PDB file of all heavy atoms in Angstrom:
ATOM      1  N   HIS A   1      -8.260  -8.147  14.172  1.00  0.00           N
ATOM      2  CA  HIS A   1      -8.295  -8.863  12.896  1.00  0.00           C
ATOM      3  C   HIS A   1      -8.236  -7.820  11.796  1.00  0.00           C
ATOM      4  O   HIS A   1      -8.646  -6.670  11.980  1.00  0.00           O
ATOM      5  CB  HIS A   1      -9.591  -9.683  12.796  1.00  0.00           C
ATOM      6  CG  HIS A   1      -9.611 -10.622  11.645  1.00  0.00           C
ATOM      7  ND1 HIS A   1      -9.976 -10.220  10.380  1.00  0.00           N
ATOM      8  CD2 HIS A   1      -9.322 -11.944  11.561  1.00  0.00           C
ATOM      9  CE1 HIS A   1      -9.914 -11.264   9.565  1.00  0.00           C
ATOM     10  NE2 HIS A   1      -9.514 -12.319  10.252  1.00  0.00           N
ATOM     11  N   VAL A   2      -7.742  -8.201  10.634  1.00  0.00           N
ATOM     12  CA  VAL A   2      -7.623  -7.279   9.506  1.00  0.00           C
ATOM     13  C   VAL A   2      -8.970  -6.635   9.166  1.00  0.00           C
ATOM     14  O   VAL A   2      -9.018  -5.468   8.780  1.00  0.00           O
ATOM     15  CB  VAL A   2      -6.987  -7.988   8.286  1.00  0.00           C
ATOM     16  CG1 VAL A   2      -7.866  -9.107   7.772  1.00  0.00           C
ATOM     17  CG2 VAL A   2      -6.671  -7.016   7.185  1.00  0.00           C
ATOM     18  N   TYR A   3     -10.074  -7.351   9.337  1.00  0.00           N
ATOM     19  CA  TYR A   3     -11.398  -6.781   9.046  1.00  0.00           C
ATOM     20  C   TYR A   3     -11.786  -5.672  10.022  1.00  0.00           C
ATOM     21  O   TYR A   3     -12.683  -4.885   9.740  1.00  0.00           O
ATOM     22  CB  TYR A   3     -12.480  -7.853   9.068  1.00  0.00           C
ATOM     23  CG  TYR A   3     -12.384  -8.885   7.967  1.00  0.00           C
ATOM     24  CD1 TYR A   3     -12.868 -10.166   8.164  1.00  0.00           C
ATOM     25  CD2 TYR A   3     -11.825  -8.589   6.733  1.00  0.00           C
ATOM     26  CE1 TYR A   3     -12.792 -11.122   7.162  1.00  0.00           C
ATOM     27  CE2 TYR A   3     -11.740  -9.539   5.726  1.00  0.00           C
ATOM     28  CZ  TYR A   3     -12.228 -10.800   5.943  1.00  0.00           C
ATOM     29  OH  TYR A   3     -12.159 -11.747   4.959  1.00  0.00           O
ATOM     30  N   LEU A   4     -11.124  -5.597  11.162  1.00  0.00           N
ATOM     31  CA  LEU A   4     -11.440  -4.576  12.171  1.00  0.00           C
ATOM     32  C   LEU A   4     -10.603  -3.309  12.032  1.00  0.00           C
ATOM     33  O   LEU A   4     -10.912  -2.301  12.655  1.00  0.00           O
ATOM     34  CB  LEU A   4     -11.245  -5.153  13.577  1.00  0.00           C
ATOM     35  CG  LEU A   4     -12.217  -6.245  13.985  1.00  0.00           C
ATOM     36  CD1 LEU A   4     -11.771  -6.868  15.299  1.00  0.00           C
ATOM     37  CD2 LEU A   4     -13.624  -5.703  14.081  1.00  0.00           C
ATOM     38  N   TRP A   5      -9.534  -3.357  11.250  1.00  0.00           N
ATOM     39  CA  TRP A   5      -8.606  -2.231  11.190  1.00  0.00           C
ATOM     40  C   TRP A   5      -9.283  -0.929  10.796  1.00  0.00           C
ATOM     41  O   TRP A   5      -8.978   0.119  11.344  1.00  0.00           O
ATOM     42  CB  TRP A   5      -7.449  -2.530  10.251  1.00  0.00           C
ATOM     43  CG  TRP A   5      -6.518  -3.586  10.751  1.00  0.00           C
ATOM     44  CD1 TRP A   5      -6.487  -4.135  12.016  1.00  0.00           C
ATOM     45  CD2 TRP A   5      -5.493  -4.232  10.024  1.00  0.00           C
ATOM     46  NE1 TRP A   5      -5.505  -5.083  12.099  1.00  0.00           N
ATOM     47  CE2 TRP A   5      -4.872  -5.170  10.886  1.00  0.00           C
ATOM     48  CE3 TRP A   5      -5.034  -4.122   8.722  1.00  0.00           C
ATOM     49  CZ2 TRP A   5      -3.822  -5.962  10.495  1.00  0.00           C
ATOM     50  CZ3 TRP A   5      -3.975  -4.930   8.325  1.00  0.00           C
ATOM     51  CH2 TRP A   5      -3.382  -5.835   9.201  1.00  0.00           C
ATOM     52  N   LYS A   6     -10.197  -0.958   9.855  1.00  0.00           N
ATOM     53  CA  LYS A   6     -10.812   0.299   9.412  1.00  0.00           C
ATOM     54  C   LYS A   6     -11.779   0.874  10.449  1.00  0.00           C
ATOM     55  O   LYS A   6     -12.179   2.015  10.334  1.00  0.00           O
ATOM     56  CB  LYS A   6     -11.489   0.141   8.058  1.00  0.00           C
ATOM     57  CG  LYS A   6     -12.767  -0.632   8.045  1.00  0.00           C
ATOM     58  CD  LYS A   6     -13.305  -0.648   6.619  1.00  0.00           C
ATOM     59  CE  LYS A   6     -14.626  -1.379   6.513  1.00  0.00           C
ATOM     60  NZ  LYS A   6     -15.095  -1.418   5.150  1.00  0.00           N
ATOM     61  N   TYR A   7     -12.134   0.090  11.443  1.00  0.00           N
ATOM     62  CA  TYR A   7     -13.036   0.569  12.492  1.00  0.00           C
ATOM     63  C   TYR A   7     -12.307   0.946  13.771  1.00  0.00           C
ATOM     64  O   TYR A   7     -12.716   1.868  14.470  1.00  0.00           O
ATOM     65  CB  TYR A   7     -14.091  -0.501  12.804  1.00  0.00           C
ATOM     66  CG  TYR A   7     -14.894  -0.877  11.594  1.00  0.00           C
ATOM     67  CD1 TYR A   7     -14.652  -2.062  10.912  1.00  0.00           C
ATOM     68  CD2 TYR A   7     -15.870  -0.019  11.104  1.00  0.00           C
ATOM     69  CE1 TYR A   7     -15.389  -2.394   9.784  1.00  0.00           C
ATOM     70  CE2 TYR A   7     -16.600  -0.341   9.971  1.00  0.00           C
ATOM     71  CZ  TYR A   7     -16.348  -1.530   9.324  1.00  0.00           C
ATOM     72  OH  TYR A   7     -17.058  -1.849   8.198  1.00  0.00           O
ATOM     73  N   ASN A   8     -11.245   0.227  14.097  1.00  0.00           N
ATOM     74  CA  ASN A   8     -10.569   0.418  15.377  1.00  0.00           C
ATOM     75  C   ASN A   8      -9.240   1.160  15.290  1.00  0.00           C
ATOM     76  O   ASN A   8      -8.624   1.419  16.307  1.00  0.00           O
ATOM     77  CB  ASN A   8     -10.338  -0.944  16.054  1.00  0.00           C
ATOM     78  CG  ASN A   8     -11.641  -1.609  16.462  1.00  0.00           C
ATOM     79  OD1 ASN A   8     -12.670  -0.967  16.568  1.00  0.00           O
ATOM     80  ND2 ASN A   8     -11.594  -2.904  16.675  1.00  0.00           N
ATOM     81  N   ASN A   9      -8.771   1.493  14.095  1.00  0.00           N
ATOM     82  CA  ASN A   9      -7.486   2.170  13.923  1.00  0.00           C
ATOM     83  C   ASN A   9      -7.673   3.504  13.219  1.00  0.00           C
ATOM     84  O   ASN A   9      -8.712   3.757  12.604  1.00  0.00           O
ATOM     85  CB  ASN A   9      -6.526   1.305  13.091  1.00  0.00           C
ATOM     86  CG  ASN A   9      -6.171   0.008  13.788  1.00  0.00           C
ATOM     87  OD1 ASN A   9      -6.243  -0.099  14.997  1.00  0.00           O
ATOM     88  ND2 ASN A   9      -5.797  -0.990  13.019  1.00  0.00           N
ATOM     89  N   SER A  10      -6.634   4.318  13.270  1.00  0.00           N
ATOM     90  CA  SER A  10      -6.655   5.577  12.523  1.00  0.00           C
ATOM     91  C   SER A  10      -6.699   5.287  11.035  1.00  0.00           C
ATOM     92  O   SER A  10      -6.187   4.274  10.566  1.00  0.00           O
ATOM     93  CB  SER A  10      -5.394   6.390  12.821  1.00  0.00           C
ATOM     94  OG  SER A  10      -5.424   6.857  14.143  1.00  0.00           O
ATOM     95  N   LEU A  11      -7.302   6.197  10.306  1.00  0.00           N
ATOM     96  CA  LEU A  11      -7.351   6.111   8.851  1.00  0.00           C
ATOM     97  C   LEU A  11      -6.402   7.143   8.271  1.00  0.00           C
ATOM     98  O   LEU A  11      -6.053   8.119   8.937  1.00  0.00           O
ATOM     99  CB  LEU A  11      -8.774   6.349   8.357  1.00  0.00           C
ATOM    100  CG  LEU A  11      -9.818   5.368   8.899  1.00  0.00           C
ATOM    101  CD1 LEU A  11     -11.212   5.759   8.437  1.00  0.00           C
ATOM    102  CD2 LEU A  11      -9.503   3.942   8.492  1.00  0.00           C
ATOM    103  N   ALA A  12      -5.992   6.940   7.027  1.00  0.00           N
ATOM    104  CA  ALA A  12      -5.023   7.861   6.430  1.00  0.00           C
ATOM    105  C   ALA A  12      -5.168   7.879   4.912  1.00  0.00           C
ATOM    106  O   ALA A  12      -5.694   6.939   4.308  1.00  0.00           O
ATOM    107  CB  ALA A  12      -3.596   7.446   6.810  1.00  0.00           C
ATOM    108  N   ASP A  13      -4.683   8.968   4.322  1.00  0.00           N
ATOM    109  CA  ASP A  13      -4.560   9.103   2.874  1.00  0.00           C
ATOM    110  C   ASP A  13      -3.073   9.158   2.549  1.00  0.00           C
ATOM    111  O   ASP A  13      -2.294   9.778   3.274  1.00  0.00           O
ATOM    112  CB  ASP A  13      -5.203  10.402   2.378  1.00  0.00           C
ATOM    113  CG  ASP A  13      -6.709  10.425   2.516  1.00  0.00           C
ATOM    114  OD1 ASP A  13      -7.311   9.345   2.708  1.00  0.00           O
ATOM    115  OD2 ASP A  13      -7.296  11.512   2.426  1.00  0.00           O
ATOM    116  N   LEU A  14      -2.690   8.516   1.451  1.00  0.00           N
ATOM    117  CA  LEU A  14      -1.304   8.525   0.998  1.00  0.00           C
ATOM    118  C   LEU A  14      -1.240   9.228  -0.351  1.00  0.00           C
ATOM    119  O   LEU A  14      -1.912   8.822  -1.304  1.00  0.00           O
ATOM    120  CB  LEU A  14      -0.763   7.094   0.852  1.00  0.00           C
ATOM    121  CG  LEU A  14       0.616   6.944   0.196  1.00  0.00           C
ATOM    122  CD1 LEU A  14       1.694   7.659   1.008  1.00  0.00           C
ATOM    123  CD2 LEU A  14       0.953   5.471   0.028  1.00  0.00           C
ATOM    124  N   PHE A  15      -0.448  10.300  -0.401  1.00  0.00           N
ATOM    125  CA  PHE A  15      -0.217  11.038  -1.646  1.00  0.00           C
ATOM    126  C   PHE A  15       1.212  10.740  -2.098  1.00  0.00           C
ATOM    127  O   PHE A  15       2.100  10.520  -1.283  1.00  0.00           O
ATOM    128  CB  PHE A  15      -0.408  12.541  -1.419  1.00  0.00           C
ATOM    129  CG  PHE A  15      -1.843  12.889  -1.112  1.00  0.00           C
ATOM    130  CD1 PHE A  15      -2.324  12.860   0.187  1.00  0.00           C
ATOM    131  CD2 PHE A  15      -2.710  13.244  -2.136  1.00  0.00           C
ATOM    132  CE1 PHE A  15      -3.644  13.169   0.467  1.00  0.00           C
ATOM    133  CE2 PHE A  15      -4.030  13.553  -1.869  1.00  0.00           C
ATOM    134  CZ  PHE A  15      -4.499  13.518  -0.559  1.00  0.00           C
ATOM    135  N   PHE A  16       1.417  10.750  -3.417  1.00  0.00           N
ATOM    136  CA  PHE A  16       2.749  10.453  -3.949  1.00  0.00           C
ATOM    137  C   PHE A  16       3.065  11.410  -5.092  1.00  0.00           C
ATOM    138  O   PHE A  16       2.182  12.023  -5.688  1.00  0.00           O
ATOM    139  CB  PHE A  16       2.820   9.002  -4.434  1.00  0.00           C
ATOM    140  CG  PHE A  16       2.132   8.751  -5.753  1.00  0.00           C
ATOM    141  CD1 PHE A  16       2.876   8.478  -6.895  1.00  0.00           C
ATOM    142  CD2 PHE A  16       0.753   8.779  -5.864  1.00  0.00           C
ATOM    143  CE1 PHE A  16       2.261   8.248  -8.107  1.00  0.00           C
ATOM    144  CE2 PHE A  16       0.124   8.536  -7.078  1.00  0.00           C
ATOM    145  CZ  PHE A  16       0.876   8.273  -8.211  1.00  0.00           C
ATOM    146  N   LYS A  17       4.370  11.529  -5.357  1.00  0.00           N
ATOM    147  CA  LYS A  17       4.834  12.338  -6.475  1.00  0.00           C
ATOM    148  C   LYS A  17       6.166  11.790  -6.931  1.00  0.00           C
ATOM    149  O   LYS A  17       7.011  11.426  -6.115  1.00  0.00           O
ATOM    150  CB  LYS A  17       4.977  13.805  -6.058  1.00  0.00           C
ATOM    151  CG  LYS A  17       5.354  14.707  -7.213  1.00  0.00           C
ATOM    152  CD  LYS A  17       5.343  16.163  -6.804  1.00  0.00           C
ATOM    153  CE  LYS A  17       5.633  16.990  -8.041  1.00  0.00           C
ATOM    154  NZ  LYS A  17       5.154  18.334  -7.945  1.00  0.00           N
ATOM    155  N   GLY A  18       6.347  11.709  -8.245  1.00  0.00           N
ATOM    156  CA  GLY A  18       7.627  11.264  -8.756  1.00  0.00           C
ATOM    157  C   GLY A  18       7.481  10.358  -9.960  1.00  0.00           C
ATOM    158  O   GLY A  18       6.394  10.086 -10.447  1.00  0.00           O
ATOM    159  N   VAL A  19       8.643   9.897 -10.416  1.00  0.00           N
ATOM    160  CA  VAL A  19       8.721   9.021 -11.584  1.00  0.00           C
ATOM    161  C   VAL A  19       9.493   7.780 -11.186  1.00  0.00           C
ATOM    162  O   VAL A  19      10.484   7.853 -10.470  1.00  0.00           O
ATOM    163  CB  VAL A  19       9.439   9.737 -12.749  1.00  0.00           C
ATOM    164  CG1 VAL A  19       9.592   8.812 -13.933  1.00  0.00           C
ATOM    165  CG2 VAL A  19       8.696  11.005 -13.135  1.00  0.00           C
ATOM    166  N   CYS A  20       9.037   6.644 -11.668  1.00  0.00           N
ATOM    167  CA  CYS A  20       9.716   5.384 -11.405  1.00  0.00           C
ATOM    168  C   CYS A  20      10.087   4.755 -12.739  1.00  0.00           C
ATOM    169  O   CYS A  20       9.293   4.751 -13.681  1.00  0.00           O
ATOM    170  CB  CYS A  20       8.791   4.458 -10.624  1.00  0.00           C
ATOM    171  SG  CYS A  20       9.488   2.844 -10.345  1.00  0.00           S
ATOM    172  N   TYR A  21      11.282   4.211 -12.805  1.00  0.00           N
ATOM    173  CA  TYR A  21      11.759   3.629 -14.049  1.00  0.00           C
ATOM    174  C   TYR A  21      11.480   2.136 -14.153  1.00  0.00           C
ATOM    175  O   TYR A  21      11.612   1.562 -15.224  1.00  0.00           O
ATOM    176  CB  TYR A  21      13.246   3.931 -14.226  1.00  0.00           C
ATOM    177  CG  TYR A  21      13.465   5.428 -14.282  1.00  0.00           C
ATOM    178  CD1 TYR A  21      13.992   6.113 -13.194  1.00  0.00           C
ATOM    179  CD2 TYR A  21      13.080   6.156 -15.404  1.00  0.00           C
ATOM    180  CE1 TYR A  21      14.163   7.492 -13.238  1.00  0.00           C
ATOM    181  CE2 TYR A  21      13.243   7.533 -15.456  1.00  0.00           C
ATOM    182  CZ  TYR A  21      13.785   8.193 -14.371  1.00  0.00           C
ATOM    183  OH  TYR A  21      13.928   9.551 -14.419  1.00  0.00           O
ATOM    184  N   ASP A  22      11.089   1.515 -13.038  1.00  0.00           N
ATOM    185  CA  ASP A  22      10.747   0.096 -13.084  1.00  0.00           C
ATOM    186  C   ASP A  22       9.396  -0.110 -12.389  1.00  0.00           C
ATOM    187  O   ASP A  22       9.320  -0.600 -11.260  1.00  0.00           O
ATOM    188  CB  ASP A  22      11.840  -0.749 -12.424  1.00  0.00           C
ATOM    189  CG  ASP A  22      11.649  -2.248 -12.666  1.00  0.00           C
ATOM    190  OD1 ASP A  22      10.634  -2.647 -13.302  1.00  0.00           O
ATOM    191  OD2 ASP A  22      12.512  -3.029 -12.220  1.00  0.00           O
ATOM    192  N   ILE A  23       8.349   0.280 -13.089  1.00  0.00           N
ATOM    193  CA  ILE A  23       7.004   0.206 -12.511  1.00  0.00           C
ATOM    194  C   ILE A  23       6.615  -1.226 -12.195  1.00  0.00           C
ATOM    195  O   ILE A  23       5.952  -1.483 -11.184  1.00  0.00           O
ATOM    196  CB  ILE A  23       5.979   0.895 -13.446  1.00  0.00           C
ATOM    197  CG1 ILE A  23       6.178   2.407 -13.369  1.00  0.00           C
ATOM    198  CG2 ILE A  23       4.553   0.506 -13.086  1.00  0.00           C
ATOM    199  CD1 ILE A  23       5.233   3.224 -14.195  1.00  0.00           C
ATOM    200  N   ASN A  24       7.031  -2.183 -13.017  1.00  0.00           N
ATOM    201  CA  ASN A  24       6.686  -3.582 -12.745  1.00  0.00           C
ATOM    202  C   ASN A  24       7.244  -4.046 -11.399  1.00  0.00           C
ATOM    203  O   ASN A  24       6.583  -4.789 -10.671  1.00  0.00           O
ATOM    204  CB  ASN A  24       7.177  -4.497 -13.866  1.00  0.00           C
ATOM    205  CG  ASN A  24       6.400  -4.282 -15.146  1.00  0.00           C
ATOM    206  OD1 ASN A  24       5.236  -3.893 -15.114  1.00  0.00           O
ATOM    207  ND2 ASN A  24       7.046  -4.526 -16.279  1.00  0.00           N
ATOM    208  N   GLN A  25       8.446  -3.593 -11.060  1.00  0.00           N
ATOM    209  CA  GLN A  25       9.034  -3.926  -9.755  1.00  0.00           C
ATOM    210  C   GLN A  25       8.208  -3.317  -8.625  1.00  0.00           C
ATOM    211  O   GLN A  25       7.951  -3.970  -7.622  1.00  0.00           O
ATOM    212  CB  GLN A  25      10.492  -3.424  -9.681  1.00  0.00           C
ATOM    213  CG  GLN A  25      11.160  -3.626  -8.333  1.00  0.00           C
ATOM    214  CD  GLN A  25      11.334  -5.088  -7.960  1.00  0.00           C
ATOM    215  OE1 GLN A  25      11.454  -5.957  -8.817  1.00  0.00           O
ATOM    216  NE2 GLN A  25      11.337  -5.361  -6.672  1.00  0.00           N
ATOM    217  N   VAL A  26       7.778  -2.079  -8.790  1.00  0.00           N
ATOM    218  CA  VAL A  26       6.963  -1.409  -7.763  1.00  0.00           C
ATOM    219  C   VAL A  26       5.643  -2.154  -7.589  1.00  0.00           C
ATOM    220  O   VAL A  26       5.200  -2.399  -6.464  1.00  0.00           O
ATOM    221  CB  VAL A  26       6.718   0.072  -8.126  1.00  0.00           C
ATOM    222  CG1 VAL A  26       5.793   0.732  -7.112  1.00  0.00           C
ATOM    223  CG2 VAL A  26       8.033   0.822  -8.217  1.00  0.00           C
ATOM    224  N   VAL A  27       5.006  -2.514  -8.693  1.00  0.00           N
ATOM    225  CA  VAL A  27       3.735  -3.238  -8.636  1.00  0.00           C
ATOM    226  C   VAL A  27       3.917  -4.563  -7.892  1.00  0.00           C
ATOM    227  O   VAL A  27       3.124  -4.904  -7.007  1.00  0.00           O
ATOM    228  CB  VAL A  27       3.170  -3.475 -10.059  1.00  0.00           C
ATOM    229  CG1 VAL A  27       2.000  -4.452 -10.042  1.00  0.00           C
ATOM    230  CG2 VAL A  27       2.756  -2.151 -10.694  1.00  0.00           C
ATOM    231  N   ARG A  28       4.978  -5.309  -8.214  1.00  0.00           N
ATOM    232  CA  ARG A  28       5.268  -6.574  -7.529  1.00  0.00           C
ATOM    233  C   ARG A  28       5.438  -6.359  -6.029  1.00  0.00           C
ATOM    234  O   ARG A  28       4.840  -7.060  -5.214  1.00  0.00           O
ATOM    235  CB  ARG A  28       6.546  -7.204  -8.090  1.00  0.00           C
ATOM    236  CG  ARG A  28       6.341  -8.257  -9.134  1.00  0.00           C
ATOM    237  CD  ARG A  28       7.621  -9.026  -9.456  1.00  0.00           C
ATOM    238  NE  ARG A  28       8.770  -8.187  -9.787  1.00  0.00           N
ATOM    239  CZ  ARG A  28       9.007  -7.659 -10.984  1.00  0.00           C
ATOM    240  NH1 ARG A  28       8.175  -7.882 -11.978  1.00  0.00           N
ATOM    241  NH2 ARG A  28      10.069  -6.917 -11.198  1.00  0.00           N
ATOM    242  N   GLU A  29       6.263  -5.387  -5.666  1.00  0.00           N
ATOM    243  CA  GLU A  29       6.522  -5.124  -4.248  1.00  0.00           C
ATOM    244  C   GLU A  29       5.244  -4.701  -3.518  1.00  0.00           C
ATOM    245  O   GLU A  29       5.012  -5.110  -2.384  1.00  0.00           O
ATOM    246  CB  GLU A  29       7.595  -4.048  -4.095  1.00  0.00           C
ATOM    247  CG  GLU A  29       8.988  -4.513  -4.439  1.00  0.00           C
ATOM    248  CD  GLU A  29      10.038  -3.427  -4.269  1.00  0.00           C
ATOM    249  OE1 GLU A  29       9.863  -2.557  -3.382  1.00  0.00           O
ATOM    250  OE2 GLU A  29      11.028  -3.438  -5.022  1.00  0.00           O
ATOM    251  N   LEU A  30       4.445  -3.869  -4.169  1.00  0.00           N
ATOM    252  CA  LEU A  30       3.186  -3.438  -3.542  1.00  0.00           C
ATOM    253  C   LEU A  30       2.281  -4.635  -3.267  1.00  0.00           C
ATOM    254  O   LEU A  30       1.759  -4.791  -2.153  1.00  0.00           O
ATOM    255  CB  LEU A  30       2.462  -2.419  -4.416  1.00  0.00           C
ATOM    256  CG  LEU A  30       2.999  -0.993  -4.363  1.00  0.00           C
ATOM    257  CD1 LEU A  30       2.461  -0.173  -5.530  1.00  0.00           C
ATOM    258  CD2 LEU A  30       2.642  -0.337  -3.034  1.00  0.00           C
ATOM    259  N   TYR A  31       2.083  -5.483  -4.267  1.00  0.00           N
ATOM    260  CA  TYR A  31       1.208  -6.640  -4.084  1.00  0.00           C
ATOM    261  C   TYR A  31       1.737  -7.598  -3.027  1.00  0.00           C
ATOM    262  O   TYR A  31       0.979  -8.071  -2.170  1.00  0.00           O
ATOM    263  CB  TYR A  31       0.973  -7.377  -5.405  1.00  0.00           C
ATOM    264  CG  TYR A  31      -0.146  -6.770  -6.212  1.00  0.00           C
ATOM    265  CD1 TYR A  31       0.121  -6.025  -7.348  1.00  0.00           C
ATOM    266  CD2 TYR A  31      -1.480  -6.923  -5.831  1.00  0.00           C
ATOM    267  CE1 TYR A  31      -0.905  -5.458  -8.094  1.00  0.00           C
ATOM    268  CE2 TYR A  31      -2.509  -6.361  -6.567  1.00  0.00           C
ATOM    269  CZ  TYR A  31      -2.219  -5.631  -7.697  1.00  0.00           C
ATOM    270  OH  TYR A  31      -3.232  -5.071  -8.413  1.00  0.00           O
ATOM    271  N   ILE A  32       3.030  -7.880  -3.058  1.00  0.00           N
ATOM    272  CA  ILE A  32       3.609  -8.815  -2.087  1.00  0.00           C
ATOM    273  C   ILE A  32       3.512  -8.262  -0.671  1.00  0.00           C
ATOM    274  O   ILE A  32       3.054  -8.953   0.251  1.00  0.00           O
ATOM    275  CB  ILE A  32       5.080  -9.136  -2.450  1.00  0.00           C
ATOM    276  CG1 ILE A  32       5.118 -10.009  -3.710  1.00  0.00           C
ATOM    277  CG2 ILE A  32       5.807  -9.828  -1.294  1.00  0.00           C
ATOM    278  CD1 ILE A  32       6.504 -10.157  -4.319  1.00  0.00           C
ATOM    279  N   ASN A  33       3.934  -7.015  -0.471  1.00  0.00           N
ATOM    280  CA  ASN A  33       3.915  -6.427   0.876  1.00  0.00           C
ATOM    281  C   ASN A  33       2.495  -6.248   1.404  1.00  0.00           C
ATOM    282  O   ASN A  33       2.225  -6.493   2.580  1.00  0.00           O
ATOM    283  CB  ASN A  33       4.680  -5.107   0.888  1.00  0.00           C
ATOM    284  CG  ASN A  33       6.176  -5.330   0.822  1.00  0.00           C
ATOM    285  OD1 ASN A  33       6.793  -5.725   1.796  1.00  0.00           O
ATOM    286  ND2 ASN A  33       6.760  -5.116  -0.348  1.00  0.00           N
ATOM    287  N   HIS A  34       1.600  -5.806   0.535  1.00  0.00           N
ATOM    288  CA  HIS A  34       0.202  -5.640   0.961  1.00  0.00           C
ATOM    289  C   HIS A  34      -0.391  -6.994   1.352  1.00  0.00           C
ATOM    290  O   HIS A  34      -1.001  -7.133   2.415  1.00  0.00           O
ATOM    291  CB  HIS A  34      -0.633  -5.000  -0.159  1.00  0.00           C
ATOM    292  CG  HIS A  34      -2.075  -4.868   0.205  1.00  0.00           C
ATOM    293  ND1 HIS A  34      -2.576  -3.755   0.830  1.00  0.00           N
ATOM    294  CD2 HIS A  34      -3.121  -5.718   0.062  1.00  0.00           C
ATOM    295  CE1 HIS A  34      -3.869  -3.922   1.045  1.00  0.00           C
ATOM    296  NE2 HIS A  34      -4.216  -5.104   0.586  1.00  0.00           N
ATOM    297  N   SER A  35      -0.213  -7.987   0.499  1.00  0.00           N
ATOM    298  CA  SER A  35      -0.772  -9.317   0.767  1.00  0.00           C
ATOM    299  C   SER A  35      -0.221  -9.902   2.060  1.00  0.00           C
ATOM    300  O   SER A  35      -0.958 -10.509   2.842  1.00  0.00           O
ATOM    301  CB  SER A  35      -0.481 -10.249  -0.405  1.00  0.00           C
ATOM    302  OG  SER A  35      -1.074 -11.496  -0.185  1.00  0.00           O
ATOM    303  N   ASN A  36       1.068  -9.722   2.304  1.00  0.00           N
ATOM    304  CA  ASN A  36       1.661 -10.203   3.554  1.00  0.00           C
ATOM    305  C   ASN A  36       1.052  -9.505   4.759  1.00  0.00           C
ATOM    306  O   ASN A  36       0.791 -10.133   5.789  1.00  0.00           O
ATOM    307  CB  ASN A  36       3.173 -10.017   3.549  1.00  0.00           C
ATOM    308  CG  ASN A  36       3.874 -10.982   2.609  1.00  0.00           C
ATOM    309  OD1 ASN A  36       3.313 -12.002   2.216  1.00  0.00           O
ATOM    310  ND2 ASN A  36       5.098 -10.655   2.232  1.00  0.00           N
TER     311      ASN A  36
END
């Protein structure tokens, strides 16, 4: 179950670098993909 992932799976850190010209699109995609 999603509530078990932080206990039974590997953990990770995500680092990023760069510039995006359509931040609103990135925010939308992040929320939709994460929620799914």
